[in-house]
C-alpha atoms as a PDB file:
ATOM      1  CA  MET A   1      44.507 -13.472  95.876  1.00  0.00           C
ATOM      2  CA  ILE A   2      42.258 -12.591  98.814  1.00  0.00           C
ATOM      3  CA  LYS A   3      42.624  -8.995  99.939  1.00  0.00           C
ATOM      4  CA  LYS A   4      43.731  -8.402 103.529  1.00  0.00           C
ATOM      5  CA  ASN A   5      40.593  -6.424 104.327  1.00  0.00           C
ATOM      6  CA  SER A   6      38.210  -8.783 102.490  1.00  0.00           C
ATOM      7  CA  SER A   7      35.913  -8.944 105.572  1.00  0.00           C
ATOM      8  CA  ASN A   8      34.909  -5.329 104.838  1.00  0.00           C
ATOM      9  CA  ILE A   9      34.288  -5.666 101.121  1.00  0.00           C
ATOM     10  CA  ASN A  10      30.469  -5.654 101.321  1.00  0.00           C
ATOM     11  CA  GLU A  11      29.959  -3.368 104.291  1.00  0.00           C
ATOM     12  CA  LYS A  12      28.337  -0.490 102.370  1.00  0.00           C
ATOM     13  CA  ALA A  13      24.980   0.533 103.753  1.00  0.00           C
ATOM     14  CA  ILE A  14      22.074   0.145 101.327  1.00  0.00           C
ATOM     15  CA  VAL A  15      18.698   1.753 100.863  1.00  0.00           C
ATOM     16  CA  VAL A  16      15.631  -0.482 100.551  1.00  0.00           C
ATOM     17  CA  VAL A  17      12.398   0.991  99.166  1.00  0.00           C
ATOM     18  CA  ILE A  18       9.178  -0.837 100.079  1.00  0.00           C
ATOM     19  CA  SER A  19       6.131   0.093  98.056  1.00  0.00           C
ATOM     20  CA  GLY A  20       2.793  -1.252  96.902  1.00  0.00           C
ATOM     21  CA  PRO A  21      -0.879  -0.302  96.673  1.00  0.00           C
ATOM     22  CA  SER A  22      -2.770   1.221  99.593  1.00  0.00           C
ATOM     23  CA  GLY A  23      -3.897  -1.534 101.953  1.00  0.00           C
ATOM     24  CA  VAL A  24      -1.339  -4.117 100.805  1.00  0.00           C
ATOM     25  CA  GLY A  25       0.340  -4.168 104.218  1.00  0.00           C
ATOM     26  CA  LYS A  26       3.384  -1.913 103.971  1.00  0.00           C
ATOM     27  CA  ASP A  27       3.111  -0.676 107.578  1.00  0.00           C
ATOM     28  CA  ALA A  28       2.424  -4.179 108.866  1.00  0.00           C
ATOM     29  CA  THR A  29       5.463  -5.517 107.029  1.00  0.00           C
ATOM     30  CA  LEU A  30       7.730  -2.859 108.530  1.00  0.00           C
ATOM     31  CA  SER A  31       6.354  -3.636 111.987  1.00  0.00           C
ATOM     32  CA  LYS A  32       7.059  -7.347 111.512  1.00  0.00           C
ATOM     33  CA  LEU A  33      10.588  -6.580 110.304  1.00  0.00           C
ATOM     34  CA  ALA A  34      11.187  -4.480 113.417  1.00  0.00           C
ATOM     35  CA  GLU A  35       9.764  -7.218 115.664  1.00  0.00           C
ATOM     36  CA  SER A  36      12.093  -9.774 114.032  1.00  0.00           C
ATOM     37  CA  GLY A  37      15.132  -7.692 114.987  1.00  0.00           C
ATOM     38  CA  ALA A  38      16.019  -6.649 111.432  1.00  0.00           C
ATOM     39  CA  LYS A  39      18.747  -4.009 111.641  1.00  0.00           C
ATOM     40  CA  PHE A  40      17.424  -1.036 109.632  1.00  0.00           C
ATOM     41  CA  HIS A  41      17.056   2.651 110.092  1.00  0.00           C
ATOM     42  CA  TYR A  42      13.308   2.966 109.558  1.00  0.00           C
ATOM     43  CA  VAL A  43      12.668   6.338 107.886  1.00  0.00           C
ATOM     44  CA  VAL A  44       9.460   8.035 109.062  1.00  0.00           C
ATOM     45  CA  THR A  45       7.499   9.691 106.270  1.00  0.00           C
ATOM     46  CA  ALA A  46       6.153  13.235 106.705  1.00  0.00           C
ATOM     47  CA  THR A  47       2.517  13.750 105.787  1.00  0.00           C
ATOM     48  CA  THR A  48      -0.286  16.280 105.934  1.00  0.00           C
ATOM     49  CA  ARG A  49      -2.847  13.494 106.282  1.00  0.00           C
ATOM     50  CA  PRO A  50      -4.920  13.602 109.515  1.00  0.00           C
ATOM     51  CA  LYS A  51      -3.603  11.280 112.216  1.00  0.00           C
ATOM     52  CA  ARG A  52      -5.674   8.148 112.788  1.00  0.00           C
ATOM     53  CA  ALA A  53      -6.647   7.141 116.319  1.00  0.00           C
ATOM     54  CA  ASN A  54      -4.045   4.374 116.598  1.00  0.00           C
ATOM     55  CA  GLU A  55      -1.158   6.357 115.123  1.00  0.00           C
ATOM     56  CA  ILE A  56       1.734   8.071 116.919  1.00  0.00           C
ATOM     57  CA  ASP A  57       3.372  11.225 115.636  1.00  0.00           C
ATOM     58  CA  GLY A  58       7.061  10.607 114.913  1.00  0.00           C
ATOM     59  CA  VAL A  59       6.575   6.838 114.862  1.00  0.00           C
ATOM     60  CA  ASP A  60       3.993   6.121 112.190  1.00  0.00           C
ATOM     61  CA  TYR A  61       4.409   9.475 110.365  1.00  0.00           C
ATOM     62  CA  TYR A  62       5.559  13.017 111.045  1.00  0.00           C
ATOM     63  CA  PHE A  63       2.177  14.777 110.944  1.00  0.00           C
ATOM     64  CA  ILE A  64       2.683  18.371 109.808  1.00  0.00           C
ATOM     65  CA  THR A  65       0.571  21.122 108.308  1.00  0.00           C
ATOM     66  CA  LYS A  66       0.390  21.834 104.586  1.00  0.00           C
ATOM     67  CA  THR A  67       2.030  25.212 105.269  1.00  0.00           C
ATOM     68  CA  ASP A  68       5.024  23.570 106.945  1.00  0.00           C
ATOM     69  CA  PHE A  69       5.217  20.914 104.242  1.00  0.00           C
ATOM     70  CA  LYS A  70       5.296  23.528 101.487  1.00  0.00           C
ATOM     71  CA  LYS A  71       8.106  25.387 103.310  1.00  0.00           C
ATOM     72  CA  LYS A  72      10.144  22.185 103.344  1.00  0.00           C
ATOM     73  CA  ILE A  73       9.511  21.756  99.628  1.00  0.00           C
ATOM     74  CA  GLU A  74      10.793  25.281  98.993  1.00  0.00           C
ATOM     75  CA  GLN A  75      13.888  24.546 101.060  1.00  0.00           C
ATOM     76  CA  ASP A  76      14.554  21.298  99.133  1.00  0.00           C
ATOM     77  CA  GLU A  77      14.363  19.159 102.277  1.00  0.00           C
ATOM     78  CA  PHE A  78      12.640  16.178 100.647  1.00  0.00           C
ATOM     79  CA  LEU A  79      14.265  13.315  98.821  1.00  0.00           C
ATOM     80  CA  GLU A  80      10.857  12.793  97.244  1.00  0.00           C
ATOM     81  CA  TYR A  81       7.325  13.951  97.885  1.00  0.00           C
ATOM     82  CA  ALA A  82       3.928  13.437  96.286  1.00  0.00           C
ATOM     83  CA  THR A  83       0.279  14.287  96.647  1.00  0.00           C
ATOM     84  CA  VAL A  84      -1.928  11.235  97.312  1.00  0.00           C
ATOM     85  CA  TYR A  85      -5.680  11.521  97.751  1.00  0.00           C
ATOM     86  CA  GLY A  86      -5.297  15.236  98.445  1.00  0.00           C
ATOM     87  CA  ASN A  87      -2.568  14.902 101.071  1.00  0.00           C
ATOM     88  CA  TYR A  88       1.186  15.442 100.867  1.00  0.00           C
ATOM     89  CA  TYR A  89       3.674  12.652 101.718  1.00  0.00           C
ATOM     90  CA  GLY A  90       7.452  13.075 101.665  1.00  0.00           C
ATOM     91  CA  VAL A  91      10.778  11.508 102.654  1.00  0.00           C
ATOM     92  CA  LEU A  92      13.109  13.895 104.470  1.00  0.00           C
ATOM     93  CA  LYS A  93      16.527  13.892 102.787  1.00  0.00           C
ATOM     94  CA  GLN A  94      18.543  14.637 105.933  1.00  0.00           C
ATOM     95  CA  GLU A  95      17.258  11.570 107.801  1.00  0.00           C
ATOM     96  CA  VAL A  96      18.374   9.224 105.026  1.00  0.00           C
ATOM     97  CA  HIS A  97      21.747  10.975 104.675  1.00  0.00           C
ATOM     98  CA  ASP A  98      22.455  10.803 108.402  1.00  0.00           C
ATOM     99  CA  ALA A  99      21.682   7.082 108.615  1.00  0.00           C
ATOM    100  CA  LEU A 100      23.822   6.194 105.612  1.00  0.00           C
ATOM    101  CA  SER A 101      26.725   8.250 106.942  1.00  0.00           C
ATOM    102  CA  LYS A 102      26.626   6.111 110.100  1.00  0.00           C
ATOM    103  CA  GLY A 103      26.695   2.912 108.040  1.00  0.00           C
ATOM    104  CA  GLU A 104      23.078   1.980 108.772  1.00  0.00           C
ATOM    105  CA  ASP A 105      20.955   0.253 106.177  1.00  0.00           C
ATOM    106  CA  VAL A 106      17.886   2.390 105.435  1.00  0.00           C
ATOM    107  CA  ILE A 107      14.373   1.207 104.722  1.00  0.00           C
ATOM    108  CA  LEU A 108      11.817   3.539 103.167  1.00  0.00           C
ATOM    109  CA  LYS A 109       8.057   3.008 102.809  1.00  0.00           C
ATOM    110  CA  VAL A 110       6.524   5.027  99.972  1.00  0.00           C
ATOM    111  CA  ASP A 111       3.545   4.893  97.659  1.00  0.00           C
ATOM    112  CA  VAL A 112       4.065   3.782  94.041  1.00  0.00           C
ATOM    113  CA  GLN A 113       4.282   7.362  92.751  1.00  0.00           C
ATOM    114  CA  GLY A 114       7.013   8.083  95.323  1.00  0.00           C
ATOM    115  CA  ALA A 115       8.890   4.907  94.374  1.00  0.00           C
ATOM    116  CA  ALA A 116       8.953   6.035  90.771  1.00  0.00           C
ATOM    117  CA  THR A 117      10.512   9.362  91.798  1.00  0.00           C
ATOM    118  CA  LEU A 118      13.090   7.614  94.000  1.00  0.00           C
ATOM    119  CA  LYS A 119      13.951   5.245  91.131  1.00  0.00           C
ATOM    120  CA  SER A 120      15.027   8.267  89.084  1.00  0.00           C
ATOM    121  CA  ARG A 121      16.871   9.971  91.982  1.00  0.00           C
ATOM    122  CA  ILE A 122      18.524   7.002  93.702  1.00  0.00           C
ATOM    123  CA  PRO A 123      18.460   4.123  91.193  1.00  0.00           C
ATOM    124  CA  GLU A 124      21.093   2.270  93.274  1.00  0.00           C
ATOM    125  CA  ALA A 125      18.474   1.564  95.971  1.00  0.00           C
ATOM    126  CA  VAL A 126      16.763  -1.833  96.211  1.00  0.00           C
ATOM    127  CA  PHE A 127      13.140  -1.559  95.148  1.00  0.00           C
ATOM    128  CA  ILE A 128      10.616  -4.107  96.511  1.00  0.00           C
ATOM    129  CA  PHE A 129       6.958  -4.150  95.454  1.00  0.00           C
ATOM    130  CA  LEU A 130       4.363  -5.740  97.718  1.00  0.00           C
ATOM    131  CA  VAL A 131       1.273  -7.133  96.012  1.00  0.00           C
ATOM    132  CA  PRO A 132      -1.919  -8.647  97.484  1.00  0.00           C
ATOM    133  CA  PRO A 133      -2.869 -12.262  96.661  1.00  0.00           C
ATOM    134  CA  SER A 134      -5.812 -10.807  94.726  1.00  0.00           C
ATOM    135  CA  ILE A 135      -7.626  -7.525  94.159  1.00  0.00           C
ATOM    136  CA  ASN A 136     -10.666  -8.923  95.977  1.00  0.00           C
ATOM    137  CA  GLU A 137      -8.586  -9.553  99.115  1.00  0.00           C
ATOM    138  CA  LEU A 138      -7.123  -6.077  98.890  1.00  0.00           C
ATOM    139  CA  SER A 139     -10.679  -4.661  98.823  1.00  0.00           C
ATOM    140  CA  GLU A 140     -11.571  -6.696 101.919  1.00  0.00           C
ATOM    141  CA  ARG A 141      -8.476  -5.433 103.735  1.00  0.00           C
ATOM    142  CA  LEU A 142      -9.435  -1.832 103.007  1.00  0.00           C
ATOM    143  CA  LYS A 143     -12.950  -2.400 104.250  1.00  0.00           C
ATOM    144  CA  ARG A 144     -11.748  -4.028 107.470  1.00  0.00           C
ATOM    145  CA  ARG A 145      -9.466  -1.064 108.145  1.00  0.00           C
ATOM    146  CA  ASN A 146     -12.573   1.125 108.615  1.00  0.00           C
ATOM    147  CA  ALA A 147     -10.587   4.237 107.638  1.00  0.00           C
ATOM    148  CA  ASP A 148     -12.391   4.970 104.375  1.00  0.00           C
ATOM    149  CA  SER A 149     -15.918   5.229 103.051  1.00  0.00           C
ATOM    150  CA  ASP A 150     -17.156   2.610 100.574  1.00  0.00           C
ATOM    151  CA  GLN A 151     -16.638   5.161  97.801  1.00  0.00           C
ATOM    152  CA  ASN A 152     -13.033   5.760  98.866  1.00  0.00           C
ATOM    153  CA  VAL A 153     -12.396   2.021  99.076  1.00  0.00           C
ATOM    154  CA  SER A 154     -13.574   1.665  95.474  1.00  0.00           C
ATOM    155  CA  LEU A 155     -11.287   4.512  94.435  1.00  0.00           C
ATOM    156  CA  ARG A 156      -8.303   2.902  96.214  1.00  0.00           C
ATOM    157  CA  VAL A 157      -9.001  -0.472  94.603  1.00  0.00           C
ATOM    158  CA  ALA A 158      -9.156   1.151  91.153  1.00  0.00           C
ATOM    159  CA  LYS A 159      -5.920   3.008  91.946  1.00  0.00           C
ATOM    160  CA  ALA A 160      -4.275  -0.250  93.043  1.00  0.00           C
ATOM    161  CA  GLU A 161      -5.091  -1.912  89.748  1.00  0.00           C
ATOM    162  CA  GLU A 162      -3.488   1.034  87.983  1.00  0.00           C
ATOM    163  CA  GLU A 163      -0.414   0.936  90.245  1.00  0.00           C
ATOM    164  CA  MET A 164       0.110  -2.759  89.545  1.00  0.00           C
ATOM    165  CA  GLU A 165       1.126  -1.690  86.044  1.00  0.00           C
ATOM    166  CA  SER A 166       4.227  -0.050  87.530  1.00  0.00           C
ATOM    167  CA  MET A 167       5.533  -3.378  88.825  1.00  0.00           C
ATOM    168  CA  HIS A 168       8.251  -3.441  86.132  1.00  0.00           C
ATOM    169  CA  ILE A 169      10.245  -0.619  87.737  1.00  0.00           C
ATOM    170  CA  PHE A 170      10.897  -2.712  90.885  1.00  0.00           C
ATOM    171  CA  ASP A 171      13.740  -5.169  91.467  1.00  0.00           C
ATOM    172  CA  TYR A 172      11.654  -7.674  93.460  1.00  0.00           C
ATOM    173  CA  VAL A 173       7.934  -8.519  93.871  1.00  0.00           C
ATOM    174  CA  ILE A 174       6.585 -10.194  97.025  1.00  0.00           C
ATOM    175  CA  VAL A 175       3.011 -11.462  97.426  1.00  0.00           C
ATOM    176  CA  ASN A 176       2.043 -10.266 100.911  1.00  0.00           C
ATOM    177  CA  HIS A 177      -0.402 -12.609 102.679  1.00  0.00           C
ATOM    178  CA  ARG A 178      -2.163 -10.881 105.583  1.00  0.00           C
ATOM    179  CA  ASP A 179      -1.980 -14.004 107.721  1.00  0.00           C
ATOM    180  CA  ASN A 180       1.706 -14.692 107.074  1.00  0.00           C
ATOM    181  CA  LEU A 181       3.601 -11.413 107.518  1.00  0.00           C
ATOM    182  CA  ALA A 182       6.586 -13.310 108.923  1.00  0.00           C
ATOM    183  CA  LYS A 183       7.112 -14.916 105.510  1.00  0.00           C
ATOM    184  CA  THR A 184       7.092 -11.483 103.835  1.00  0.00           C
ATOM    185  CA  ALA A 185       9.549 -10.103 106.410  1.00  0.00           C
ATOM    186  CA  ASN A 186      11.856 -13.089 105.897  1.00  0.00           C
ATOM    187  CA  LYS A 187      11.817 -12.561 102.159  1.00  0.00           C
ATOM    188  CA  VAL A 188      12.772  -8.909 102.604  1.00  0.00           C
ATOM    189  CA  LYS A 189      15.669  -9.925 104.882  1.00  0.00           C
ATOM    190  CA  ALA A 190      16.795 -12.570 102.378  1.00  0.00           C
ATOM    191  CA  ILE A 191      16.809  -9.977  99.577  1.00  0.00           C
ATOM    192  CA  VAL A 192      18.950  -7.649 101.710  1.00  0.00           C
ATOM    193  CA  ILE A 193      21.421 -10.428 102.515  1.00  0.00           C
ATOM    194  CA  ALA A 194      21.714 -11.243  98.820  1.00  0.00           C
ATOM    195  CA  GLU A 195      22.144  -7.590  97.821  1.00  0.00           C
ATOM    196  CA  LYS A 196      24.865  -6.997 100.396  1.00  0.00           C
ATOM    197  CA  SER A 197      26.684 -10.084  99.053  1.00  0.00           C
ATOM    198  CA  ARG A 198      26.837  -8.781  95.509  1.00  0.00           C
ATOM    199  CA  ASN A 199      30.231  -8.630  93.868  1.00  0.00           C
ATOM    200  CA  LYS A 200      29.583  -4.961  93.161  1.00  0.00           C
ATOM    201  CA  PRO A 201      27.395  -3.756  96.083  1.00  0.00           C
ATOM    202  CA  ARG A 202      24.877  -0.957  95.506  1.00  0.00           C
ATOM    203  CA  GLU A 203      25.912   2.403  96.865  1.00  0.00           C
ATOM    204  CA  VAL A 204      23.430   5.272  97.195  1.00  0.00           C
ATOM    205  CA  ARG A 205      24.857   8.785  96.980  1.00  0.00           C
ATOM    206  CA  LEU A 206      22.679  11.731  97.987  1.00  0.00           C
END
């Protein structure tokens, strides 16, 4: 028998975690998703990393001081946080909670270390791992970004190879081609459609 309110069976908001090595195109993927009209609450990560010339505070990241970041840690304001290349990165718990309470699907962009933490804290989230077509292409992407020295690029590439070993903790893996971000965005949207059509939908509780 079909329930009278069957149209609302799969209306629970979900949390999608996007991760992958530095330079794989996480920011570009989120931008393409937003351009495509995908209905997500895009959570902005807080960081102590210096702002790059093309970045906007409150849009790309919340740029805060290490002192303020540590205060937020003490007050348990982060869903997860980590130190990456000497800088703090963290997801503010309240922002995620507020979006879910309004029935909005949430998308989080975190590094691989952060994804591992979130996997233990909110295992009901959907975890998607972006990988480059090859390590050589990842190296070229990092060089073209002109944000790191050659030494730092080498360190990031070595770190990426290490992070690829964490692929097994993710639900889905997408090869992200730099010249076809639309395909990556469409795959993410297809995953969300499938997840929201599950017989037993995921439900994140904070």
